[in-house]
Amino acid sequence: MLINIPLNNKLNFNIIKKNDNYFLLVFNKLIFVKYIISVNSSINIFSNFNYINIKLKFFNDYLYIQSIVNTINNNINCYFSKKITFSGKGYKLKRFYKTVKLLKHNFINFYFNTSHINIIYFFNLLIKKLKKTKIIMYSVNKNLLFDVVNLVLKIKRLNVFTQKGLRLSRQLVYKKIGKKSS
């Protein structure tokens, strides 16, 4: 059975032989995937074409394994992103990263002039603070990203009269006119 792993210019690979297995690492700047291959199988590398060909010694459903390998390699390069902006006097956010007993806790603390604390824990997300009032979120999983973005946007809804609160970066919002006194 042959498995083909196409690589593009953004992906690198490394092969390590340890005991009875080969470890094929496919990686970019942010993430990696480790394939464990038995020593009995043969690995052919075509560096000019950025292509790896693996011949396995067991029989299995070829199309299923090939589709899994293709989706994993595509997901390494495919990041979905959403940018969130906020406005309001005294609104700010702080990003924390703590390590407690081998657990990594990433969370954002929102300060929006409220009496309660707004903290969001996030896993499998990359969050970058662009400016004082802008953050951008990246994820490989599109559904997870949209769920977290909707959760963040519900913290402080946009007030259509004053234009203060959280919104997506290119979201069109028209300002409503308030009551007019005579």
Protein backbone atom coordinates (compact mmCIF):
# COMPACT_ATOMS: atom_id res chain seq x y z
CA MET A 1 0.00 0.00 0.00
CA LEU A 2 1.34 3.43 -0.98
CA ILE A 3 0.63 6.67 0.82
CA ASN A 4 1.55 9.95 -0.84
CA ILE A 5 2.20 13.10 1.17
CA PRO A 6 2.39 16.25 -0.98
CA LEU A 7 4.12 19.20 0.69
CA ASN A 8 4.09 22.83 -0.28
CA ASN A 9 6.67 25.56 0.30
CA LYS A 10 5.37 26.36 3.80
CA LEU A 11 5.77 22.81 5.13
CA ASN A 12 9.02 21.18 6.22
CA PHE A 13 9.66 17.60 7.23
CA ASN A 14 12.12 15.58 9.23
CA ILE A 15 12.56 11.81 9.60
CA ILE A 16 13.91 10.29 12.80
CA LYS A 17 14.65 6.61 13.27
CA LYS A 18 14.12 5.37 16.81
CA ASN A 19 14.02 1.70 17.86
CA ASP A 20 11.48 -0.08 15.63
CA ASN A 21 9.85 2.96 14.11
CA TYR A 22 10.39 5.93 11.84
CA PHE A 23 8.99 9.23 13.05
CA LEU A 24 8.00 11.48 10.18
CA LEU A 25 7.49 15.06 11.39
CA VAL A 26 5.67 17.45 9.06
CA PHE A 27 5.70 20.99 10.43
CA ASN A 28 5.49 24.71 9.83
CA LYS A 29 6.23 27.67 12.15
CA LEU A 30 3.31 27.04 14.48
CA ILE A 31 2.22 23.40 14.42
CA PHE A 32 3.47 19.91 13.61
CA VAL A 33 2.09 16.45 12.84
CA LYS A 34 3.94 13.28 13.78
CA TYR A 35 3.44 10.11 11.75
CA ILE A 36 4.74 6.85 13.22
CA ILE A 37 5.82 4.37 10.57
CA SER A 38 7.27 0.89 11.09
CA VAL A 39 10.85 0.16 10.01
CA ASN A 40 9.57 -2.52 7.61
CA SER A 41 8.01 0.10 5.38
CA SER A 42 10.01 2.08 2.86
CA ILE A 43 10.08 5.88 2.56
CA ASN A 44 10.96 7.63 -0.70
CA ILE A 45 11.61 11.37 -0.66
CA PHE A 46 11.41 13.44 -3.82
CA SER A 47 12.87 16.74 -2.67
CA ASN A 48 12.55 18.47 -6.06
CA PHE A 49 8.80 17.91 -6.06
CA ASN A 50 8.23 18.34 -2.29
CA TYR A 51 6.71 14.90 -2.21
CA ILE A 52 7.02 11.93 0.16
CA ASN A 53 6.02 8.42 -0.86
CA ILE A 54 5.57 5.76 1.86
CA LYS A 55 5.14 2.07 1.08
CA LEU A 56 3.49 0.25 3.98
CA LYS A 57 3.62 -3.50 4.59
CA PHE A 58 0.08 -3.98 5.88
CA PHE A 59 -3.21 -3.94 4.00
CA ASN A 60 -5.90 -1.51 4.89
CA ASP A 61 -8.39 0.79 3.26
CA TYR A 62 -6.08 2.88 1.04
CA LEU A 63 -8.49 5.68 0.16
CA TYR A 64 -9.47 6.26 3.78
CA ILE A 65 -5.86 6.61 5.01
CA GLN A 66 -4.89 8.76 2.02
CA SER A 67 -7.82 11.11 2.65
CA ILE A 68 -6.87 11.45 6.33
CA VAL A 69 -3.27 12.30 5.41
CA ASN A 70 -4.43 14.88 2.87
CA THR A 71 -6.81 16.59 5.30
CA ILE A 72 -4.17 16.72 8.04
CA ASN A 73 -1.62 18.32 5.70
CA ASN A 74 -4.19 20.80 4.41
CA ASN A 75 -5.20 21.76 7.93
CA ILE A 76 -1.64 22.59 8.90
CA ASN A 77 -1.62 25.41 6.35
CA CYS A 78 -5.25 26.46 6.56
CA TYR A 79 -5.94 28.87 9.39
CA PHE A 80 -9.22 30.65 9.80
CA SER A 81 -9.12 34.05 11.43
CA LYS A 82 -11.50 36.64 12.85
CA LYS A 83 -10.66 40.15 14.01
CA ILE A 84 -12.58 41.73 16.87
CA THR A 85 -12.54 45.45 17.62
CA PHE A 86 -14.06 47.29 20.53
CA SER A 87 -14.59 50.88 21.49
CA GLY A 88 -15.54 52.65 24.66
CA LYS A 89 -13.86 54.76 27.28
CA GLY A 90 -11.86 52.63 29.71
CA TYR A 91 -12.41 49.36 27.79
CA LYS A 92 -9.31 47.18 27.74
CA LEU A 93 -8.21 43.56 27.74
CA LYS A 94 -5.30 41.57 29.12
CA ARG A 95 -4.00 38.25 27.83
CA PHE A 96 -2.55 35.82 30.36
CA TYR A 97 -0.57 32.63 30.02
CA LYS A 98 -0.04 30.49 33.12
CA THR A 99 1.52 27.09 33.62
CA VAL A 100 0.23 25.16 36.61
CA LYS A 101 1.20 21.52 37.20
CA LEU A 102 1.91 20.73 33.54
CA LEU A 103 -1.35 22.36 32.45
CA LYS A 104 -1.21 25.37 30.20
CA HIS A 105 -3.93 27.93 30.78
CA ASN A 106 -4.49 30.61 28.18
CA PHE A 107 -7.12 33.17 28.98
CA ILE A 108 -8.20 36.70 28.22
CA ASN A 109 -9.55 39.04 30.86
CA PHE A 110 -11.91 41.75 29.58
CA TYR A 111 -12.31 44.99 31.50
CA PHE A 112 -15.49 46.73 30.38
CA ASN A 113 -16.42 48.90 33.37
CA THR A 114 -18.65 46.22 34.86
CA SER A 115 -18.86 44.88 38.39
CA HIS A 116 -18.20 41.27 37.36
CA ILE A 117 -15.08 39.69 35.86
CA ASN A 118 -15.14 38.53 32.23
CA ILE A 119 -12.60 35.78 31.60
CA ILE A 120 -12.45 33.45 28.59
CA TYR A 121 -10.29 30.34 28.57
CA PHE A 122 -9.21 29.18 25.15
CA PHE A 123 -7.62 26.01 23.87
CA ASN A 124 -6.40 25.25 20.34
CA LEU A 125 -6.63 28.93 19.45
CA LEU A 126 -4.00 31.52 18.70
CA ILE A 127 -4.89 34.99 19.89
CA LYS A 128 -2.85 38.06 19.08
CA LYS A 129 -3.41 41.56 20.41
CA LEU A 130 -2.93 43.93 17.48
CA LYS A 131 -3.62 47.27 19.13
CA LYS A 132 -5.18 48.51 22.30
CA THR A 133 -8.64 47.92 20.87
CA LYS A 134 -8.12 45.06 18.39
CA ILE A 135 -7.51 41.33 18.76
CA ILE A 136 -7.27 38.64 16.11
CA MET A 137 -8.07 34.96 16.65
CA TYR A 138 -6.68 32.07 14.58
CA SER A 139 -7.72 28.44 14.55
CA VAL A 140 -7.54 25.38 12.34
CA ASN A 141 -11.05 24.39 13.37
CA LYS A 142 -13.57 26.75 11.83
CA ASN A 143 -16.49 25.74 14.07
CA LEU A 144 -14.45 26.21 17.25
CA LEU A 145 -13.34 29.64 16.09
CA PHE A 146 -16.90 30.81 15.37
CA ASP A 147 -18.12 29.48 18.72
CA VAL A 148 -15.41 31.35 20.64
CA VAL A 149 -15.93 34.55 18.60
CA ASN A 150 -19.69 34.45 19.31
CA LEU A 151 -18.96 33.88 23.00
CA VAL A 152 -16.62 36.89 23.07
CA LEU A 153 -19.09 39.12 21.22
CA LYS A 154 -21.81 38.31 23.76
CA ILE A 155 -19.70 39.74 26.61
CA LYS A 156 -20.40 43.34 25.67
CA ARG A 157 -22.89 43.76 22.86
CA LEU A 158 -22.56 46.71 20.55
CA ASN A 159 -24.79 49.62 21.54
CA VAL A 160 -26.28 50.98 18.31
CA PHE A 161 -26.90 54.41 19.85
CA THR A 162 -23.39 55.06 21.21
CA GLN A 163 -21.31 52.66 19.03
CA LYS A 164 -19.61 51.25 22.16
CA GLY A 165 -19.00 47.54 22.68
CA LEU A 166 -17.55 44.57 20.78
CA ARG A 167 -17.98 43.93 17.08
CA LEU A 168 -16.30 42.10 14.21
CA SER A 169 -13.74 44.06 12.26
CA ARG A 170 -15.64 44.67 9.03
CA GLN A 171 -19.11 44.47 10.48
CA LEU A 172 -21.37 47.19 9.14
CA VAL A 173 -23.27 48.91 11.93
CA TYR A 174 -25.38 52.00 11.42
CA LYS A 175 -25.76 54.41 14.29
CA LYS A 176 -29.34 54.95 15.40
CA ILE A 177 -30.56 58.41 16.14
CA GLY A 178 -31.82 58.88 19.69
CA LYS A 179 -34.90 60.74 20.84
CA LYS A 180 -35.14 64.33 19.74
CA SER A 181 -36.27 66.86 22.27
CA SER A 182 -38.43 69.72 21.11
